Amino acid sequence: RDLPILAEMARDNLVHVGISVTTLDHEL
């Protein structure tokens, strides 16, 4: 939802994002 804000900040080297991926198993 906030991609436009984050993209603008990234162009100025003001943001990076971590996505937590605990498992690839949907049931787990």
mmCIF file of all heavy atoms, coordinates in Angstrom:
data_MODEL
# 
_entry.id   MODEL 
# 
loop_
_atom_site.group_PDB 
_atom_site.id 
_atom_site.type_symbol 
_atom_site.label_atom_id 
_atom_site.label_alt_id 
_atom_site.label_comp_id 
_atom_site.label_asym_id 
_atom_site.label_entity_id 
_atom_site.label_seq_id 
_atom_site.pdbx_PDB_ins_code 
_atom_site.Cartn_x 
_atom_site.Cartn_y 
_atom_site.Cartn_z 
_atom_site.occupancy 
_atom_site.B_iso_or_equiv 
_atom_site.pdbx_formal_charge 
_atom_site.auth_seq_id 
_atom_site.auth_comp_id 
_atom_site.auth_asym_id 
_atom_site.auth_atom_id 
_atom_site.pdbx_PDB_model_num 
ATOM 1   N N   . ARG A 1 1  ? 0.835  -1.205  0.000  1.00 0.00 ? 1  ARG A N   1 
ATOM 2   C CA  . ARG A 1 1  ? 0.000  0.000   0.000  1.00 0.00 ? 1  ARG A CA  1 
ATOM 3   C C   . ARG A 1 1  ? 0.869  1.253   0.000  1.00 0.00 ? 1  ARG A C   1 
ATOM 4   O O   . ARG A 1 1  ? 0.511  2.278   -0.612 1.00 0.00 ? 1  ARG A O   1 
ATOM 5   C CB  . ARG A 1 1  ? -0.897 -0.005  1.240  1.00 0.00 ? 1  ARG A CB  1 
ATOM 6   C CG  . ARG A 1 1  ? -1.772 1.220   1.422  1.00 0.00 ? 1  ARG A CG  1 
ATOM 7   C CD  . ARG A 1 1  ? -2.205 1.368   2.871  1.00 0.00 ? 1  ARG A CD  1 
ATOM 8   N NE  . ARG A 1 1  ? -1.081 1.598   3.774  1.00 0.00 ? 1  ARG A NE  1 
ATOM 9   C CZ  . ARG A 1 1  ? -1.168 1.613   5.108  1.00 0.00 ? 1  ARG A CZ  1 
ATOM 10  N NH1 . ARG A 1 1  ? -2.327 1.353   5.691  1.00 0.00 ? 1  ARG A NH1 1 
ATOM 11  N NH2 . ARG A 1 1  ? -0.097 1.844   5.834  1.00 0.00 ? 1  ARG A NH2 1 
ATOM 12  N N   . ASP A 1 2  ? 2.010  1.175   0.672  1.00 0.00 ? 2  ASP A N   1 
ATOM 13  C CA  . ASP A 1 2  ? 2.888  2.332   0.813  1.00 0.00 ? 2  ASP A CA  1 
ATOM 14  C C   . ASP A 1 2  ? 4.048  2.309   -0.167 1.00 0.00 ? 2  ASP A C   1 
ATOM 15  O O   . ASP A 1 2  ? 5.050  3.010   0.019  1.00 0.00 ? 2  ASP A O   1 
ATOM 16  C CB  . ASP A 1 2  ? 3.428  2.397   2.249  1.00 0.00 ? 2  ASP A CB  1 
ATOM 17  C CG  . ASP A 1 2  ? 2.330  2.616   3.269  1.00 0.00 ? 2  ASP A CG  1 
ATOM 18  O OD1 . ASP A 1 2  ? 1.284  3.176   2.907  1.00 0.00 ? 2  ASP A OD1 1 
ATOM 19  O OD2 . ASP A 1 2  ? 2.507  2.206   4.441  1.00 0.00 ? 2  ASP A OD2 1 
ATOM 20  N N   . LEU A 1 3  ? 3.899  1.527   -1.235 1.00 0.00 ? 3  LEU A N   1 
ATOM 21  C CA  . LEU A 1 3  ? 4.979  1.393   -2.210 1.00 0.00 ? 3  LEU A CA  1 
ATOM 22  C C   . LEU A 1 3  ? 5.432  2.738   -2.792 1.00 0.00 ? 3  LEU A C   1 
ATOM 23  O O   . LEU A 1 3  ? 6.639  2.965   -2.921 1.00 0.00 ? 3  LEU A O   1 
ATOM 24  C CB  . LEU A 1 3  ? 4.547  0.444   -3.328 1.00 0.00 ? 3  LEU A CB  1 
ATOM 25  C CG  . LEU A 1 3  ? 5.660  -0.231  -4.133 1.00 0.00 ? 3  LEU A CG  1 
ATOM 26  C CD1 . LEU A 1 3  ? 6.514  -1.106  -3.231 1.00 0.00 ? 3  LEU A CD1 1 
ATOM 27  C CD2 . LEU A 1 3  ? 5.067  -1.065  -5.261 1.00 0.00 ? 3  LEU A CD2 1 
ATOM 28  N N   . PRO A 1 4  ? 4.518  3.657   -3.148 1.00 0.00 ? 4  PRO A N   1 
ATOM 29  C CA  . PRO A 1 4  ? 4.982  4.937   -3.695 1.00 0.00 ? 4  PRO A CA  1 
ATOM 30  C C   . PRO A 1 4  ? 5.886  5.718   -2.730 1.00 0.00 ? 4  PRO A C   1 
ATOM 31  O O   . PRO A 1 4  ? 6.903  6.285   -3.139 1.00 0.00 ? 4  PRO A O   1 
ATOM 32  C CB  . PRO A 1 4  ? 3.674  5.699   -3.965 1.00 0.00 ? 4  PRO A CB  1 
ATOM 33  C CG  . PRO A 1 4  ? 2.662  4.625   -4.174 1.00 0.00 ? 4  PRO A CG  1 
ATOM 34  C CD  . PRO A 1 4  ? 3.040  3.544   -3.216 1.00 0.00 ? 4  PRO A CD  1 
ATOM 35  N N   . ILE A 1 5  ? 5.522  5.742   -1.449 1.00 0.00 ? 5  ILE A N   1 
ATOM 36  C CA  . ILE A 1 5  ? 6.342  6.439   -0.456 1.00 0.00 ? 5  ILE A CA  1 
ATOM 37  C C   . ILE A 1 5  ? 7.705  5.765   -0.336 1.00 0.00 ? 5  ILE A C   1 
ATOM 38  O O   . ILE A 1 5  ? 8.759  6.421   -0.347 1.00 0.00 ? 5  ILE A O   1 
ATOM 39  C CB  . ILE A 1 5  ? 5.652  6.449   0.919  1.00 0.00 ? 5  ILE A CB  1 
ATOM 40  C CG1 . ILE A 1 5  ? 4.338  7.213   0.861  1.00 0.00 ? 5  ILE A CG1 1 
ATOM 41  C CG2 . ILE A 1 5  ? 6.567  7.062   1.984  1.00 0.00 ? 5  ILE A CG2 1 
ATOM 42  C CD1 . ILE A 1 5  ? 3.533  7.139   2.150  1.00 0.00 ? 5  ILE A CD1 1 
ATOM 43  N N   . LEU A 1 6  ? 7.692  4.443   -0.223 1.00 0.00 ? 6  LEU A N   1 
ATOM 44  C CA  . LEU A 1 6  ? 8.930  3.707   -0.045 1.00 0.00 ? 6  LEU A CA  1 
ATOM 45  C C   . LEU A 1 6  ? 9.837  3.832   -1.266 1.00 0.00 ? 6  LEU A C   1 
ATOM 46  O O   . LEU A 1 6  ? 11.065 3.934   -1.136 1.00 0.00 ? 6  LEU A O   1 
ATOM 47  C CB  . LEU A 1 6  ? 8.623  2.241   0.244  1.00 0.00 ? 6  LEU A CB  1 
ATOM 48  C CG  . LEU A 1 6  ? 7.841  1.965   1.532  1.00 0.00 ? 6  LEU A CG  1 
ATOM 49  C CD1 . LEU A 1 6  ? 7.429  0.498   1.610  1.00 0.00 ? 6  LEU A CD1 1 
ATOM 50  C CD2 . LEU A 1 6  ? 8.665  2.342   2.759  1.00 0.00 ? 6  LEU A CD2 1 
ATOM 51  N N   . ALA A 1 7  ? 9.249  3.822   -2.458 1.00 0.00 ? 7  ALA A N   1 
ATOM 52  C CA  . ALA A 1 7  ? 10.053 3.946   -3.681 1.00 0.00 ? 7  ALA A CA  1 
ATOM 53  C C   . ALA A 1 7  ? 10.736 5.309   -3.741 1.00 0.00 ? 7  ALA A C   1 
ATOM 54  O O   . ALA A 1 7  ? 11.910 5.415   -4.134 1.00 0.00 ? 7  ALA A O   1 
ATOM 55  C CB  . ALA A 1 7  ? 9.169  3.729   -4.906 1.00 0.00 ? 7  ALA A CB  1 
ATOM 56  N N   . GLU A 1 8  ? 10.023 6.363   -3.368 1.00 0.00 ? 8  GLU A N   1 
ATOM 57  C CA  . GLU A 1 8  ? 10.620 7.705   -3.356 1.00 0.00 ? 8  GLU A CA  1 
ATOM 58  C C   . GLU A 1 8  ? 11.752 7.778   -2.339 1.00 0.00 ? 8  GLU A C   1 
ATOM 59  O O   . GLU A 1 8  ? 12.819 8.351   -2.624 1.00 0.00 ? 8  GLU A O   1 
ATOM 60  C CB  . GLU A 1 8  ? 9.549  8.759   -3.037 1.00 0.00 ? 8  GLU A CB  1 
ATOM 61  C CG  . GLU A 1 8  ? 8.570  9.006   -4.155 1.00 0.00 ? 8  GLU A CG  1 
ATOM 62  C CD  . GLU A 1 8  ? 7.564  10.095  -3.795 1.00 0.00 ? 8  GLU A CD  1 
ATOM 63  O OE1 . GLU A 1 8  ? 7.788  10.794  -2.784 1.00 0.00 ? 8  GLU A OE1 1 
ATOM 64  O OE2 . GLU A 1 8  ? 6.576  10.232  -4.521 1.00 0.00 ? 8  GLU A OE2 1 
ATOM 65  N N   . MET A 1 9  ? 11.554 7.207   -1.161 1.00 0.00 ? 9  MET A N   1 
ATOM 66  C CA  . MET A 1 9  ? 12.592 7.225   -0.143 1.00 0.00 ? 9  MET A CA  1 
ATOM 67  C C   . MET A 1 9  ? 13.794 6.384   -0.580 1.00 0.00 ? 9  MET A C   1 
ATOM 68  O O   . MET A 1 9  ? 14.952 6.733   -0.310 1.00 0.00 ? 9  MET A O   1 
ATOM 69  C CB  . MET A 1 9  ? 12.036 6.717   1.191  1.00 0.00 ? 9  MET A CB  1 
ATOM 70  C CG  . MET A 1 9  ? 10.965 7.610   1.791  1.00 0.00 ? 9  MET A CG  1 
ATOM 71  S SD  . MET A 1 9  ? 10.413 7.059   3.429  1.00 0.00 ? 9  MET A SD  1 
ATOM 72  C CE  . MET A 1 9  ? 11.804 7.582   4.460  1.00 0.00 ? 9  MET A CE  1 
ATOM 73  N N   . ALA A 1 10 ? 13.534 5.280   -1.274 1.00 0.00 ? 10 ALA A N   1 
ATOM 74  C CA  . ALA A 1 10 ? 14.622 4.415   -1.727 1.00 0.00 ? 10 ALA A CA  1 
ATOM 75  C C   . ALA A 1 10 ? 15.517 5.123   -2.734 1.00 0.00 ? 10 ALA A C   1 
ATOM 76  O O   . ALA A 1 10 ? 16.737 4.893   -2.760 1.00 0.00 ? 10 ALA A O   1 
ATOM 77  C CB  . ALA A 1 10 ? 14.055 3.133   -2.330 1.00 0.00 ? 10 ALA A CB  1 
ATOM 78  N N   . ARG A 1 11 ? 14.926 5.965   -3.566 1.00 0.00 ? 11 ARG A N   1 
ATOM 79  C CA  . ARG A 1 11 ? 15.731 6.703   -4.544 1.00 0.00 ? 11 ARG A CA  1 
ATOM 80  C C   . ARG A 1 11 ? 16.742 7.612   -3.859 1.00 0.00 ? 11 ARG A C   1 
ATOM 81  O O   . ARG A 1 11 ? 17.778 7.945   -4.431 1.00 0.00 ? 11 ARG A O   1 
ATOM 82  C CB  . ARG A 1 11 ? 14.822 7.507   -5.473 1.00 0.00 ? 11 ARG A CB  1 
ATOM 83  C CG  . ARG A 1 11 ? 14.123 6.655   -6.526 1.00 0.00 ? 11 ARG A CG  1 
ATOM 84  C CD  . ARG A 1 11 ? 13.533 7.491   -7.634 1.00 0.00 ? 11 ARG A CD  1 
ATOM 85  N NE  . ARG A 1 11 ? 12.349 8.214   -7.205 1.00 0.00 ? 11 ARG A NE  1 
ATOM 86  C CZ  . ARG A 1 11 ? 11.112 7.736   -7.270 1.00 0.00 ? 11 ARG A CZ  1 
ATOM 87  N NH1 . ARG A 1 11 ? 10.901 6.504   -7.724 1.00 0.00 ? 11 ARG A NH1 1 
ATOM 88  N NH2 . ARG A 1 11 ? 10.079 8.451   -6.876 1.00 0.00 ? 11 ARG A NH2 1 
ATOM 89  N N   . ASP A 1 12 ? 16.433 8.017   -2.625 1.00 0.00 ? 12 ASP A N   1 
ATOM 90  C CA  . ASP A 1 12 ? 17.348 8.861   -1.856 1.00 0.00 ? 12 ASP A CA  1 
ATOM 91  C C   . ASP A 1 12 ? 18.133 8.057   -0.816 1.00 0.00 ? 12 ASP A C   1 
ATOM 92  O O   . ASP A 1 12 ? 18.754 8.638   0.081  1.00 0.00 ? 12 ASP A O   1 
ATOM 93  C CB  . ASP A 1 12 ? 16.560 9.975   -1.155 1.00 0.00 ? 12 ASP A CB  1 
ATOM 94  C CG  . ASP A 1 12 ? 15.932 10.950  -2.142 1.00 0.00 ? 12 ASP A CG  1 
ATOM 95  O OD1 . ASP A 1 12 ? 16.577 11.232  -3.173 1.00 0.00 ? 12 ASP A OD1 1 
ATOM 96  O OD2 . ASP A 1 12 ? 14.810 11.417  -1.878 1.00 0.00 ? 12 ASP A OD2 1 
ATOM 97  N N   . ASN A 1 13 ? 18.094 6.728   -0.943 1.00 0.00 ? 13 ASN A N   1 
ATOM 98  C CA  . ASN A 1 13 ? 18.794 5.832   -0.015 1.00 0.00 ? 13 ASN A CA  1 
ATOM 99  C C   . ASN A 1 13 ? 18.362 6.079   1.427  1.00 0.00 ? 13 ASN A C   1 
ATOM 100 O O   . ASN A 1 13 ? 19.183 6.201   2.338  1.00 0.00 ? 13 ASN A O   1 
ATOM 101 C CB  . ASN A 1 13 ? 20.313 5.992   -0.137 1.00 0.00 ? 13 ASN A CB  1 
ATOM 102 C CG  . ASN A 1 13 ? 21.074 4.891   0.584  1.00 0.00 ? 13 ASN A CG  1 
ATOM 103 O OD1 . ASN A 1 13 ? 20.565 3.774   0.769  1.00 0.00 ? 13 ASN A OD1 1 
ATOM 104 N ND2 . ASN A 1 13 ? 22.281 5.195   1.029  1.00 0.00 ? 13 ASN A ND2 1 
ATOM 105 N N   . LEU A 1 14 ? 17.050 6.121   1.635  1.00 0.00 ? 14 LEU A N   1 
ATOM 106 C CA  . LEU A 1 14 ? 16.495 6.386   2.956  1.00 0.00 ? 14 LEU A CA  1 
ATOM 107 C C   . LEU A 1 14 ? 15.700 5.213   3.521  1.00 0.00 ? 14 LEU A C   1 
ATOM 108 O O   . LEU A 1 14 ? 15.150 5.329   4.608  1.00 0.00 ? 14 LEU A O   1 
ATOM 109 C CB  . LEU A 1 14 ? 15.600 7.640   2.909  1.00 0.00 ? 14 LEU A CB  1 
ATOM 110 C CG  . LEU A 1 14 ? 16.302 8.967   2.637  1.00 0.00 ? 14 LEU A CG  1 
ATOM 111 C CD1 . LEU A 1 14 ? 15.276 10.090  2.496  1.00 0.00 ? 14 LEU A CD1 1 
ATOM 112 C CD2 . LEU A 1 14 ? 17.300 9.294   3.747  1.00 0.00 ? 14 LEU A CD2 1 
ATOM 113 N N   . VAL A 1 15 ? 15.643 4.102   2.802  1.00 0.00 ? 15 VAL A N   1 
ATOM 114 C CA  . VAL A 1 15 ? 14.842 2.986   3.308  1.00 0.00 ? 15 VAL A CA  1 
ATOM 115 C C   . VAL A 1 15 ? 15.340 1.655   2.750  1.00 0.00 ? 15 VAL A C   1 
ATOM 116 O O   . VAL A 1 15 ? 15.844 1.595   1.626  1.00 0.00 ? 15 VAL A O   1 
ATOM 117 C CB  . VAL A 1 15 ? 13.348 3.164   2.943  1.00 0.00 ? 15 VAL A CB  1 
ATOM 118 C CG1 . VAL A 1 15 ? 13.121 3.059   1.440  1.00 0.00 ? 15 VAL A CG1 1 
ATOM 119 C CG2 . VAL A 1 15 ? 12.471 2.158   3.678  1.00 0.00 ? 15 VAL A CG2 1 
ATOM 120 N N   . HIS A 1 16 ? 15.254 0.627   3.566  1.00 0.00 ? 16 HIS A N   1 
ATOM 121 C CA  . HIS A 1 16 ? 15.278 -0.738  3.051  1.00 0.00 ? 16 HIS A CA  1 
ATOM 122 C C   . HIS A 1 16 ? 14.319 -1.579  3.878  1.00 0.00 ? 16 HIS A C   1 
ATOM 123 O O   . HIS A 1 16 ? 13.990 -1.242  5.024  1.00 0.00 ? 16 HIS A O   1 
ATOM 124 C CB  . HIS A 1 16 ? 16.688 -1.342  2.972  1.00 0.00 ? 16 HIS A CB  1 
ATOM 125 C CG  . HIS A 1 16 ? 17.419 -1.455  4.265  1.00 0.00 ? 16 HIS A CG  1 
ATOM 126 N ND1 . HIS A 1 16 ? 17.128 -2.391  5.229  1.00 0.00 ? 16 HIS A ND1 1 
ATOM 127 C CD2 . HIS A 1 16 ? 18.474 -0.747  4.742  1.00 0.00 ? 16 HIS A CD2 1 
ATOM 128 C CE1 . HIS A 1 16 ? 17.960 -2.269  6.239  1.00 0.00 ? 16 HIS A CE1 1 
ATOM 129 N NE2 . HIS A 1 16 ? 18.784 -1.268  5.988  1.00 0.00 ? 16 HIS A NE2 1 
ATOM 130 N N   . VAL A 1 17 ? 13.850 -2.682  3.278  1.00 0.00 ? 17 VAL A N   1 
ATOM 131 C CA  . VAL A 1 17 ? 12.756 -3.473  3.842  1.00 0.00 ? 17 VAL A CA  1 
ATOM 132 C C   . VAL A 1 17 ? 13.177 -4.931  3.961  1.00 0.00 ? 17 VAL A C   1 
ATOM 133 O O   . VAL A 1 17 ? 13.790 -5.496  3.048  1.00 0.00 ? 17 VAL A O   1 
ATOM 134 C CB  . VAL A 1 17 ? 11.495 -3.367  2.953  1.00 0.00 ? 17 VAL A CB  1 
ATOM 135 C CG1 . VAL A 1 17 ? 10.402 -4.299  3.468  1.00 0.00 ? 17 VAL A CG1 1 
ATOM 136 C CG2 . VAL A 1 17 ? 11.001 -1.934  2.905  1.00 0.00 ? 17 VAL A CG2 1 
ATOM 137 N N   . GLY A 1 18 ? 12.840 -5.530  5.087  1.00 0.00 ? 18 GLY A N   1 
ATOM 138 C CA  . GLY A 1 18 ? 13.037 -6.959  5.273  1.00 0.00 ? 18 GLY A CA  1 
ATOM 139 C C   . GLY A 1 18 ? 11.693 -7.674  5.314  1.00 0.00 ? 18 GLY A C   1 
ATOM 140 O O   . GLY A 1 18 ? 10.787 -7.250  6.023  1.00 0.00 ? 18 GLY A O   1 
ATOM 141 N N   . ILE A 1 19 ? 11.555 -8.726  4.536  1.00 0.00 ? 19 ILE A N   1 
ATOM 142 C CA  . ILE A 1 19 ? 10.351 -9.545  4.555  1.00 0.00 ? 19 ILE A CA  1 
ATOM 143 C C   . ILE A 1 19 ? 10.679 -10.866 5.249  1.00 0.00 ? 19 ILE A C   1 
ATOM 144 O O   . ILE A 1 19 ? 11.590 -11.584 4.853  1.00 0.00 ? 19 ILE A O   1 
ATOM 145 C CB  . ILE A 1 19 ? 9.826  -9.831  3.134  1.00 0.00 ? 19 ILE A CB  1 
ATOM 146 C CG1 . ILE A 1 19 ? 9.490  -8.518  2.420  1.00 0.00 ? 19 ILE A CG1 1 
ATOM 147 C CG2 . ILE A 1 19 ? 8.593  -10.727 3.185  1.00 0.00 ? 19 ILE A CG2 1 
ATOM 148 C CD1 . ILE A 1 19 ? 8.385  -7.698  3.093  1.00 0.00 ? 19 ILE A CD1 1 
ATOM 149 N N   . SER A 1 20 ? 9.952  -11.155 6.311  1.00 0.00 ? 20 SER A N   1 
ATOM 150 C CA  . SER A 1 20 ? 10.176 -12.375 7.075  1.00 0.00 ? 20 SER A CA  1 
ATOM 151 C C   . SER A 1 20 ? 9.515  -13.557 6.363  1.00 0.00 ? 20 SER A C   1 
ATOM 152 O O   . SER A 1 20 ? 8.309  -13.552 6.125  1.00 0.00 ? 20 SER A O   1 
ATOM 153 C CB  . SER A 1 20 ? 9.594  -12.218 8.486  1.00 0.00 ? 20 SER A CB  1 
ATOM 154 O OG  . SER A 1 20 ? 9.695  -13.423 9.206  1.00 0.00 ? 20 SER A OG  1 
ATOM 155 N N   . VAL A 1 21 ? 10.315 -14.543 6.013  1.00 0.00 ? 21 VAL A N   1 
ATOM 156 C CA  . VAL A 1 21 ? 9.819  -15.780 5.401  1.00 0.00 ? 21 VAL A CA  1 
ATOM 157 C C   . VAL A 1 21 ? 10.269 -16.929 6.297  1.00 0.00 ? 21 VAL A C   1 
ATOM 158 O O   . VAL A 1 21 ? 11.418 -17.355 6.257  1.00 0.00 ? 21 VAL A O   1 
ATOM 159 C CB  . VAL A 1 21 ? 10.350 -15.974 3.969  1.00 0.00 ? 21 VAL A CB  1 
ATOM 160 C CG1 . VAL A 1 21 ? 9.762  -17.256 3.355  1.00 0.00 ? 21 VAL A CG1 1 
ATOM 161 C CG2 . VAL A 1 21 ? 10.015 -14.771 3.102  1.00 0.00 ? 21 VAL A CG2 1 
ATOM 162 N N   . THR A 1 22 ? 9.362  -17.413 7.110  1.00 0.00 ? 22 THR A N   1 
ATOM 163 C CA  . THR A 1 22 ? 9.687  -18.437 8.098  1.00 0.00 ? 22 THR A CA  1 
ATOM 164 C C   . THR A 1 22 ? 9.648  -19.837 7.504  1.00 0.00 ? 22 THR A C   1 
ATOM 165 O O   . THR A 1 22 ? 10.414 -20.708 7.897  1.00 0.00 ? 22 THR A O   1 
ATOM 166 C CB  . THR A 1 22 ? 8.704  -18.359 9.278  1.00 0.00 ? 22 THR A CB  1 
ATOM 167 O OG1 . THR A 1 22 ? 8.590  -17.009 9.701  1.00 0.00 ? 22 THR A OG1 1 
ATOM 168 C CG2 . THR A 1 22 ? 9.160  -19.203 10.445 1.00 0.00 ? 22 THR A CG2 1 
ATOM 169 N N   . THR A 1 23 ? 8.756  -20.043 6.560  1.00 0.00 ? 23 THR A N   1 
ATOM 170 C CA  . THR A 1 23 ? 8.575  -21.362 5.946  1.00 0.00 ? 23 THR A CA  1 
ATOM 171 C C   . THR A 1 23 ? 7.953  -21.192 4.573  1.00 0.00 ? 23 THR A C   1 
ATOM 172 O O   . THR A 1 23 ? 7.276  -20.194 4.298  1.00 0.00 ? 23 THR A O   1 
ATOM 173 C CB  . THR A 1 23 ? 7.671  -22.246 6.827  1.00 0.00 ? 23 THR A CB  1 
ATOM 174 O OG1 . THR A 1 23 ? 7.483  -23.520 6.183  1.00 0.00 ? 23 THR A OG1 1 
ATOM 175 C CG2 . THR A 1 23 ? 6.307  -21.615 7.058  1.00 0.00 ? 23 THR A CG2 1 
ATOM 176 N N   . LEU A 1 24 ? 8.157  -22.168 3.714  1.00 0.00 ? 24 LEU A N   1 
ATOM 177 C CA  . LEU A 1 24 ? 7.505  -22.221 2.409  1.00 0.00 ? 24 LEU A CA  1 
ATOM 178 C C   . LEU A 1 24 ? 6.350  -23.220 2.420  1.00 0.00 ? 24 LEU A C   1 
ATOM 179 O O   . LEU A 1 24 ? 5.687  -23.407 1.414  1.00 0.00 ? 24 LEU A O   1 
ATOM 180 C CB  . LEU A 1 24 ? 8.524  -22.604 1.326  1.00 0.00 ? 24 LEU A CB  1 
ATOM 181 C CG  . LEU A 1 24 ? 9.693  -21.629 1.170  1.00 0.00 ? 24 LEU A CG  1 
ATOM 182 C CD1 . LEU A 1 24 ? 10.736 -22.196 0.213  1.00 0.00 ? 24 LEU A CD1 1 
ATOM 183 C CD2 . LEU A 1 24 ? 9.211  -20.263 0.689  1.00 0.00 ? 24 LEU A CD2 1 
ATOM 184 N N   . ASP A 1 25 ? 6.131  -23.839 3.548  1.00 0.00 ? 25 ASP A N   1 
ATOM 185 C CA  . ASP A 1 25 ? 5.071  -24.827 3.745  1.00 0.00 ? 25 ASP A CA  1 
ATOM 186 C C   . ASP A 1 25 ? 3.826  -24.108 4.269  1.00 0.00 ? 25 ASP A C   1 
ATOM 187 O O   . ASP A 1 25 ? 3.807  -23.632 5.402  1.00 0.00 ? 25 ASP A O   1 
ATOM 188 C CB  . ASP A 1 25 ? 5.545  -25.882 4.742  1.00 0.00 ? 25 ASP A CB  1 
ATOM 189 C CG  . ASP A 1 25 ? 4.518  -26.983 4.994  1.00 0.00 ? 25 ASP A CG  1 
ATOM 190 O OD1 . ASP A 1 25 ? 3.317  -26.765 4.729  1.00 0.00 ? 25 ASP A OD1 1 
ATOM 191 O OD2 . ASP A 1 25 ? 4.910  -28.052 5.485  1.00 0.00 ? 25 ASP A OD2 1 
ATOM 192 N N   . HIS A 1 26 ? 2.784  -24.038 3.440  1.00 0.00 ? 26 HIS A N   1 
ATOM 193 C CA  . HIS A 1 26 ? 1.606  -23.270 3.824  1.00 0.00 ? 26 HIS A CA  1 
ATOM 194 C C   . HIS A 1 26 ? 0.930  -23.846 5.067  1.00 0.00 ? 26 HIS A C   1 
ATOM 195 O O   . HIS A 1 26 ? 0.424  -23.092 5.910  1.00 0.00 ? 26 HIS A O   1 
ATOM 196 C CB  . HIS A 1 26 ? 0.603  -23.211 2.677  1.00 0.00 ? 26 HIS A CB  1 
ATOM 197 C CG  . HIS A 1 26 ? -0.566 -22.310 2.956  1.00 0.00 ? 26 HIS A CG  1 
ATOM 198 N ND1 . HIS A 1 26 ? -0.493 -20.931 2.857  1.00 0.00 ? 26 HIS A ND1 1 
ATOM 199 C CD2 . HIS A 1 26 ? -1.822 -22.586 3.375  1.00 0.00 ? 26 HIS A CD2 1 
ATOM 200 C CE1 . HIS A 1 26 ? -1.650 -20.400 3.191  1.00 0.00 ? 26 HIS A CE1 1 
ATOM 201 N NE2 . HIS A 1 26 ? -2.477 -21.379 3.506  1.00 0.00 ? 26 HIS A NE2 1 
ATOM 202 N N   . GLU A 1 27 ? 0.902  -25.160 5.215  1.00 0.00 ? 27 GLU A N   1 
ATOM 203 C CA  . GLU A 1 27 ? 0.252  -25.765 6.378  1.00 0.00 ? 27 GLU A CA  1 
ATOM 204 C C   . GLU A 1 27 ? 1.013  -25.428 7.656  1.00 0.00 ? 27 GLU A C   1 
ATOM 205 O O   . GLU A 1 27 ? 0.404  -25.109 8.685  1.00 0.00 ? 27 GLU A O   1 
ATOM 206 C CB  . GLU A 1 27 ? 0.152  -27.279 6.211  1.00 0.00 ? 27 GLU A CB  1 
ATOM 207 C CG  . GLU A 1 27 ? -0.506 -27.992 7.378  1.00 0.00 ? 27 GLU A CG  1 
ATOM 208 C CD  . GLU A 1 27 ? -1.928 -27.539 7.646  1.00 0.00 ? 27 GLU A CD  1 
ATOM 209 O OE1 . GLU A 1 27 ? -2.593 -27.048 6.713  1.00 0.00 ? 27 GLU A OE1 1 
ATOM 210 O OE2 . GLU A 1 27 ? -2.390 -27.682 8.808  1.00 0.00 ? 27 GLU A OE2 1 
ATOM 211 N N   . LEU A 1 28 ? 2.329  -25.471 7.623  1.00 0.00 ? 28 LEU A N   1 
ATOM 212 C CA  . LEU A 1 28 ? 3.122  -25.077 8.790  1.00 0.00 ? 28 LEU A CA  1 
ATOM 213 C C   . LEU A 1 28 ? 2.913  -23.603 9.083  1.00 0.00 ? 28 LEU A C   1 
ATOM 214 O O   . LEU A 1 28 ? 2.755  -23.212 10.251 1.00 0.00 ? 28 LEU A O   1 
ATOM 215 C CB  . LEU A 1 28 ? 4.604  -25.373 8.547  1.00 0.00 ? 28 LEU A CB  1 
ATOM 216 C CG  . LEU A 1 28 ? 5.570  -24.915 9.644  1.00 0.00 ? 28 LEU A CG  1 
ATOM 217 C CD1 . LEU A 1 28 ? 5.218  -25.528 10.999 1.00 0.00 ? 28 LEU A CD1 1 
ATOM 218 C CD2 . LEU A 1 28 ? 7.008  -25.253 9.264  1.00 0.00 ? 28 LEU A CD2 1 
# 
